[in-house]
Amino acid sequence: MPLIVKCPICSTSVEWSATSLFKPFCSERCKLIDLGDWASEKHSIPVKNNIDPDMLDDMGYDEEDFFKQ
């Protein structure tokens, strides 16, 4: 029995198989809508900033000649 998933854009049932060209989307239209959402930043992957700006100052990144060779 093939796996059936819902299109993330329009919720149409999509068979997850080699013949489904746009999986997990039902059509090229839905695939492009999703791509546009990512391009316009409606979707994003949350990122936790692990760098403390004060730590960079302590390492010397605030010195004028740090990047000069």
PDB file of N, CA and C in Angstrom:
ATOM      1  N   MET A   1       0.839  -1.173   0.000  1.00  0.00           N
ATOM      2  CA  MET A   1       0.000   0.000   0.000  1.00  0.00           C
ATOM      3  C   MET A   1       0.888   1.241   0.000  1.00  0.00           C
ATOM      4  N   PRO A   2       0.714   2.157  -0.957  1.00  0.00           N
ATOM      5  CA  PRO A   2       1.565   3.350  -1.039  1.00  0.00           C
ATOM      6  C   PRO A   2       1.242   4.340   0.093  1.00  0.00           C
ATOM      7  N   LEU A   3       2.244   5.077   0.470  1.00  0.00           N
ATOM      8  CA  LEU A   3       2.094   6.094   1.500  1.00  0.00           C
ATOM      9  C   LEU A   3       1.384   7.303   0.896  1.00  0.00           C
ATOM     10  N   ILE A   4       0.379   7.822   1.591  1.00  0.00           N
ATOM     11  CA  ILE A   4      -0.350   9.003   1.143  1.00  0.00           C
ATOM     12  C   ILE A   4      -0.047  10.131   2.127  1.00  0.00           C
ATOM     13  N   VAL A   5       0.388  11.273   1.586  1.00  0.00           N
ATOM     14  CA  VAL A   5       0.679  12.452   2.411  1.00  0.00           C
ATOM     15  C   VAL A   5      -0.183  13.610   1.927  1.00  0.00           C
ATOM     16  N   LYS A   6      -0.291  14.628   2.736  1.00  0.00           N
ATOM     17  CA  LYS A   6      -1.036  15.836   2.372  1.00  0.00           C
ATOM     18  C   LYS A   6      -0.073  16.872   1.811  1.00  0.00           C
ATOM     19  N   CYS A   7      -0.482  17.525   0.734  1.00  0.00           N
ATOM     20  CA  CYS A   7       0.306  18.624   0.174  1.00  0.00           C
ATOM     21  C   CYS A   7       0.392  19.725   1.237  1.00  0.00           C
ATOM     22  N   PRO A   8       1.602  20.231   1.531  1.00  0.00           N
ATOM     23  CA  PRO A   8       1.752  21.246   2.572  1.00  0.00           C
ATOM     24  C   PRO A   8       1.064  22.571   2.250  1.00  0.00           C
ATOM     25  N   ILE A   9       0.747  22.809   0.994  1.00  0.00           N
ATOM     26  CA  ILE A   9       0.131  24.075   0.600  1.00  0.00           C
ATOM     27  C   ILE A   9      -1.389  23.979   0.559  1.00  0.00           C
ATOM     28  N   CYS A  10      -1.918  22.986  -0.148  1.00  0.00           N
ATOM     29  CA  CYS A  10      -3.373  22.927  -0.362  1.00  0.00           C
ATOM     30  C   CYS A  10      -4.048  21.735   0.309  1.00  0.00           C
ATOM     31  N   SER A  11      -3.285  20.877   0.942  1.00  0.00           N
ATOM     32  CA  SER A  11      -3.785  19.698   1.666  1.00  0.00           C
ATOM     33  C   SER A  11      -4.411  18.623   0.778  1.00  0.00           C
ATOM     34  N   THR A  12      -4.135  18.635  -0.502  1.00  0.00           N
ATOM     35  CA  THR A  12      -4.573  17.566  -1.391  1.00  0.00           C
ATOM     36  C   THR A  12      -3.774  16.305  -1.079  1.00  0.00           C
ATOM     37  N   SER A  13      -4.396  15.143  -1.167  1.00  0.00           N
ATOM     38  CA  SER A  13      -3.692  13.879  -0.935  1.00  0.00           C
ATOM     39  C   SER A  13      -2.715  13.606  -2.071  1.00  0.00           C
ATOM     40  N   VAL A  14      -1.506  13.217  -1.698  1.00  0.00           N
ATOM     41  CA  VAL A  14      -0.450  12.946  -2.676  1.00  0.00           C
ATOM     42  C   VAL A  14       0.138  11.575  -2.370  1.00  0.00           C
ATOM     43  N   GLU A  15       0.247  10.747  -3.391  1.00  0.00           N
ATOM     44  CA  GLU A  15       0.878   9.435  -3.217  1.00  0.00           C
ATOM     45  C   GLU A  15       2.390   9.612  -3.234  1.00  0.00           C
ATOM     46  N   TRP A  16       3.059   9.089  -2.210  1.00  0.00           N
ATOM     47  CA  TRP A  16       4.521   9.188  -2.116  1.00  0.00           C
ATOM     48  C   TRP A  16       5.130   8.030  -2.891  1.00  0.00           C
ATOM     49  N   SER A  17       5.419   8.294  -4.158  1.00  0.00           N
ATOM     50  CA  SER A  17       5.990   7.256  -5.019  1.00  0.00           C
ATOM     51  C   SER A  17       6.880   7.915  -6.063  1.00  0.00           C
ATOM     52  N   ALA A  18       7.566   7.084  -6.824  1.00  0.00           N
ATOM     53  CA  ALA A  18       8.471   7.588  -7.860  1.00  0.00           C
ATOM     54  C   ALA A  18       7.714   8.328  -8.963  1.00  0.00           C
ATOM     55  N   THR A  19       6.451   8.023  -9.134  1.00  0.00           N
ATOM     56  CA  THR A  19       5.663   8.681 -10.186  1.00  0.00           C
ATOM     57  C   THR A  19       5.151  10.056  -9.763  1.00  0.00           C
ATOM     58  N   SER A  20       5.240  10.381  -8.487  1.00  0.00           N
ATOM     59  CA  SER A  20       4.815  11.703  -8.008  1.00  0.00           C
ATOM     60  C   SER A  20       5.979  12.676  -8.190  1.00  0.00           C
ATOM     61  N   LEU A  21       5.912  13.468  -9.237  1.00  0.00           N
ATOM     62  CA  LEU A  21       7.041  14.319  -9.619  1.00  0.00           C
ATOM     63  C   LEU A  21       7.316  15.450  -8.644  1.00  0.00           C
ATOM     64  N   PHE A  22       6.292  15.925  -7.948  1.00  0.00           N
ATOM     65  CA  PHE A  22       6.465  17.121  -7.127  1.00  0.00           C
ATOM     66  C   PHE A  22       6.361  16.843  -5.625  1.00  0.00           C
ATOM     67  N   LYS A  23       6.471  15.562  -5.223  1.00  0.00           N
ATOM     68  CA  LYS A  23       6.287  15.212  -3.818  1.00  0.00           C
ATOM     69  C   LYS A  23       7.186  16.040  -2.911  1.00  0.00           C
ATOM     70  N   PRO A  24       6.733  16.495  -1.811  1.00  0.00           N
ATOM     71  CA  PRO A  24       5.462  16.242  -1.152  1.00  0.00           C
ATOM     72  C   PRO A  24       4.321  17.126  -1.653  1.00  0.00           C
ATOM     73  N   PHE A  25       4.575  17.916  -2.675  1.00  0.00           N
ATOM     74  CA  PHE A  25       3.541  18.796  -3.215  1.00  0.00           C
ATOM     75  C   PHE A  25       2.720  18.067  -4.262  1.00  0.00           C
ATOM     76  N   CYS A  26       1.502  18.564  -4.488  1.00  0.00           N
ATOM     77  CA  CYS A  26       0.629  17.904  -5.466  1.00  0.00           C
ATOM     78  C   CYS A  26       0.896  18.388  -6.882  1.00  0.00           C
ATOM     79  N   SER A  27       1.502  19.554  -7.037  1.00  0.00           N
ATOM     80  CA  SER A  27       1.713  20.129  -8.362  1.00  0.00           C
ATOM     81  C   SER A  27       2.910  21.078  -8.336  1.00  0.00           C
ATOM     82  N   GLU A  28       3.326  21.467  -9.524  1.00  0.00           N
ATOM     83  CA  GLU A  28       4.412  22.438  -9.624  1.00  0.00           C
ATOM     84  C   GLU A  28       3.978  23.781  -9.034  1.00  0.00           C
ATOM     85  N   ARG A  29       2.706  24.116  -9.198  1.00  0.00           N
ATOM     86  CA  ARG A  29       2.176  25.360  -8.649  1.00  0.00           C
ATOM     87  C   ARG A  29       2.383  25.417  -7.137  1.00  0.00           C
ATOM     88  N   CYS A  30       1.995  24.368  -6.430  1.00  0.00           N
ATOM     89  CA  CYS A  30       2.161  24.344  -4.977  1.00  0.00           C
ATOM     90  C   CYS A  30       3.639  24.375  -4.593  1.00  0.00           C
ATOM     91  N   LYS A  31       4.476  23.703  -5.366  1.00  0.00           N
ATOM     92  CA  LYS A  31       5.919  23.705  -5.105  1.00  0.00           C
ATOM     93  C   LYS A  31       6.470  25.122  -5.224  1.00  0.00           C
ATOM     94  N   LEU A  32       6.035  25.868  -6.247  1.00  0.00           N
ATOM     95  CA  LEU A  32       6.519  27.233  -6.452  1.00  0.00           C
ATOM     96  C   LEU A  32       5.962  28.194  -5.399  1.00  0.00           C
ATOM     97  N   ILE A  33       4.747  27.968  -4.945  1.00  0.00           N
ATOM     98  CA  ILE A  33       4.193  28.786  -3.865  1.00  0.00           C
ATOM     99  C   ILE A  33       5.054  28.625  -2.622  1.00  0.00           C
ATOM    100  N   ASP A  34       5.424  27.397  -2.297  1.00  0.00           N
ATOM    101  CA  ASP A  34       6.270  27.137  -1.131  1.00  0.00           C
ATOM    102  C   ASP A  34       7.640  27.781  -1.298  1.00  0.00           C
ATOM    103  N   LEU A  35       8.223  27.671  -2.480  1.00  0.00           N
ATOM    104  CA  LEU A  35       9.522  28.289  -2.745  1.00  0.00           C
ATOM    105  C   LEU A  35       9.428  29.796  -2.561  1.00  0.00           C
ATOM    106  N   GLY A  36       8.345  30.400  -3.047  1.00  0.00           N
ATOM    107  CA  GLY A  36       8.141  31.838  -2.874  1.00  0.00           C
ATOM    108  C   GLY A  36       8.015  32.224  -1.409  1.00  0.00           C
ATOM    109  N   ASP A  37       7.361  31.368  -0.610  1.00  0.00           N
ATOM    110  CA  ASP A  37       7.241  31.637   0.825  1.00  0.00           C
ATOM    111  C   ASP A  37       8.604  31.644   1.502  1.00  0.00           C
ATOM    112  N   TRP A  38       9.479  30.711   1.115  1.00  0.00           N
ATOM    113  CA  TRP A  38      10.837  30.695   1.671  1.00  0.00           C
ATOM    114  C   TRP A  38      11.619  31.917   1.197  1.00  0.00           C
ATOM    115  N   ALA A  39      11.468  32.275  -0.080  1.00  0.00           N
ATOM    116  CA  ALA A  39      12.215  33.409  -0.637  1.00  0.00           C
ATOM    117  C   ALA A  39      11.784  34.732   0.005  1.00  0.00           C
ATOM    118  N   SER A  40      10.502  34.847   0.348  1.00  0.00           N
ATOM    119  CA  SER A  40      10.014  36.079   0.978  1.00  0.00           C
ATOM    120  C   SER A  40      10.144  36.039   2.503  1.00  0.00           C
ATOM    121  N   GLU A  41      10.783  34.989   3.008  1.00  0.00           N
ATOM    122  CA  GLU A  41      11.066  34.800   4.430  1.00  0.00           C
ATOM    123  C   GLU A  41       9.809  34.639   5.289  1.00  0.00           C
ATOM    124  N   LYS A  42       8.728  34.104   4.688  1.00  0.00           N
ATOM    125  CA  LYS A  42       7.566  33.721   5.488  1.00  0.00           C
ATOM    126  C   LYS A  42       7.912  32.504   6.338  1.00  0.00           C
ATOM    127  N   HIS A  43       8.827  31.670   5.832  1.00  0.00           N
ATOM    128  CA  HIS A  43       9.341  30.522   6.573  1.00  0.00           C
ATOM    129  C   HIS A  43      10.801  30.812   6.919  1.00  0.00           C
ATOM    130  N   SER A  44      11.244  30.321   8.047  1.00  0.00           N
ATOM    131  CA  SER A  44      12.655  30.445   8.400  1.00  0.00           C
ATOM    132  C   SER A  44      13.019  29.345   9.382  1.00  0.00           C
ATOM    133  N   ILE A  45      14.295  29.056   9.440  1.00  0.00           N
ATOM    134  CA  ILE A  45      14.808  28.069  10.380  1.00  0.00           C
ATOM    135  C   ILE A  45      15.379  28.845  11.556  1.00  0.00           C
ATOM    136  N   PRO A  46      14.830  28.649  12.747  1.00  0.00           N
ATOM    137  CA  PRO A  46      15.328  29.418  13.899  1.00  0.00           C
ATOM    138  C   PRO A  46      16.773  29.046  14.231  1.00  0.00           C
ATOM    139  N   VAL A  47      17.546  30.059  14.522  1.00  0.00           N
ATOM    140  CA  VAL A  47      18.959  29.863  14.829  1.00  0.00           C
ATOM    141  C   VAL A  47      19.246  30.552  16.153  1.00  0.00           C
ATOM    142  N   LYS A  48      19.900  29.833  17.034  1.00  0.00           N
ATOM    143  CA  LYS A  48      20.296  30.401  18.317  1.00  0.00           C
ATOM    144  C   LYS A  48      21.710  30.948  18.175  1.00  0.00           C
ATOM    145  N   ASN A  49      21.863  32.208  18.508  1.00  0.00           N
ATOM    146  CA  ASN A  49      23.171  32.841  18.423  1.00  0.00           C
ATOM    147  C   ASN A  49      24.020  32.381  19.604  1.00  0.00           C
ATOM    148  N   ASN A  50      25.081  31.652  19.338  1.00  0.00           N
ATOM    149  CA  ASN A  50      25.947  31.124  20.392  1.00  0.00           C
ATOM    150  C   ASN A  50      27.118  32.047  20.710  1.00  0.00           C
ATOM    151  N   ILE A  51      27.231  33.157  19.976  1.00  0.00           N
ATOM    152  CA  ILE A  51      28.371  34.049  20.161  1.00  0.00           C
ATOM    153  C   ILE A  51      27.943  35.239  21.011  1.00  0.00           C
ATOM    154  N   ASP A  52      28.659  35.471  22.065  1.00  0.00           N
ATOM    155  CA  ASP A  52      28.420  36.618  22.931  1.00  0.00           C
ATOM    156  C   ASP A  52      29.245  37.784  22.392  1.00  0.00           C
ATOM    157  N   PRO A  53      28.607  38.910  22.032  1.00  0.00           N
ATOM    158  CA  PRO A  53      29.370  40.042  21.476  1.00  0.00           C
ATOM    159  C   PRO A  53      30.473  40.543  22.406  1.00  0.00           C
ATOM    160  N   ASP A  54      30.253  40.465  23.708  1.00  0.00           N
ATOM    161  CA  ASP A  54      31.299  40.902  24.643  1.00  0.00           C
ATOM    162  C   ASP A  54      32.523  39.997  24.561  1.00  0.00           C
ATOM    163  N   MET A  55      32.310  38.723  24.264  1.00  0.00           N
ATOM    164  CA  MET A  55      33.417  37.787  24.130  1.00  0.00           C
ATOM    165  C   MET A  55      34.310  38.199  22.947  1.00  0.00           C
ATOM    166  N   LEU A  56      33.705  38.701  21.860  1.00  0.00           N
ATOM    167  CA  LEU A  56      34.494  39.135  20.710  1.00  0.00           C
ATOM    168  C   LEU A  56      35.376  40.316  21.075  1.00  0.00           C
ATOM    169  N   ASP A  57      34.846  41.237  21.888  1.00  0.00           N
ATOM    170  CA  ASP A  57      35.660  42.367  22.339  1.00  0.00           C
ATOM    171  C   ASP A  57      36.849  41.878  23.159  1.00  0.00           C
ATOM    172  N   ASP A  58      36.605  40.901  24.017  1.00  0.00           N
ATOM    173  CA  ASP A  58      37.677  40.356  24.849  1.00  0.00           C
ATOM    174  C   ASP A  58      38.748  39.666  24.014  1.00  0.00           C
ATOM    175  N   MET A  59      38.374  39.133  22.854  1.00  0.00           N
ATOM    176  CA  MET A  59      39.326  38.435  21.983  1.00  0.00           C
ATOM    177  C   MET A  59      40.123  39.401  21.120  1.00  0.00           C
ATOM    178  N   GLY A  60      39.763  40.685  21.125  1.00  0.00           N
ATOM    179  CA  GLY A  60      40.530  41.665  20.366  1.00  0.00           C
ATOM    180  C   GLY A  60      39.913  42.045  19.034  1.00  0.00           C
ATOM    181  N   TYR A  61      38.692  41.601  18.746  1.00  0.00           N
ATOM    182  CA  TYR A  61      38.069  41.947  17.474  1.00  0.00           C
ATOM    183  C   TYR A  61      37.703  43.425  17.384  1.00  0.00           C
ATOM    184  N   ASP A  62      37.693  44.141  18.499  1.00  0.00           N
ATOM    185  CA  ASP A  62      37.336  45.553  18.474  1.00  0.00           C
ATOM    186  C   ASP A  62      38.545  46.446  18.200  1.00  0.00           C
ATOM    187  N   GLU A  63      39.735  45.879  18.124  1.00  0.00           N
ATOM    188  CA  GLU A  63      40.922  46.662  17.845  1.00  0.00           C
ATOM    189  C   GLU A  63      40.956  47.065  16.384  1.00  0.00           C
ATOM    190  N   GLU A  64      41.393  48.300  16.108  1.00  0.00           N
ATOM    191  CA  GLU A  64      41.360  48.862  14.753  1.00  0.00           C
ATOM    192  C   GLU A  64      42.177  48.044  13.758  1.00  0.00           C
ATOM    193  N   ASP A  65      43.319  47.562  14.150  1.00  0.00           N
ATOM    194  CA  ASP A  65      44.214  46.888  13.204  1.00  0.00           C
ATOM    195  C   ASP A  65      44.068  45.358  13.203  1.00  0.00           C
ATOM    196  N   PHE A  66      42.977  44.839  13.786  1.00  0.00           N
ATOM    197  CA  PHE A  66      42.818  43.388  13.867  1.00  0.00           C
ATOM    198  C   PHE A  66      42.793  42.735  12.477  1.00  0.00           C
ATOM    199  N   PHE A  67      42.084  43.355  11.529  1.00  0.00           N
ATOM    200  CA  PHE A  67      41.929  42.735  10.209  1.00  0.00           C
ATOM    201  C   PHE A  67      42.983  43.186   9.207  1.00  0.00           C
ATOM    202  N   LYS A  68      43.831  44.080   9.590  1.00  0.00           N
ATOM    203  CA  LYS A  68      44.904  44.527   8.695  1.00  0.00           C
ATOM    204  C   LYS A  68      46.084  43.576   8.786  1.00  0.00           C
ATOM    205  N   GLN A  69      46.739  43.387   7.663  1.00  0.00           N
ATOM    206  CA  GLN A  69      47.882  42.477   7.659  1.00  0.00           C
ATOM    207  C   GLN A  69      49.170  43.224   7.415  1.00  0.00           C
TER     208      GLN A  69
END
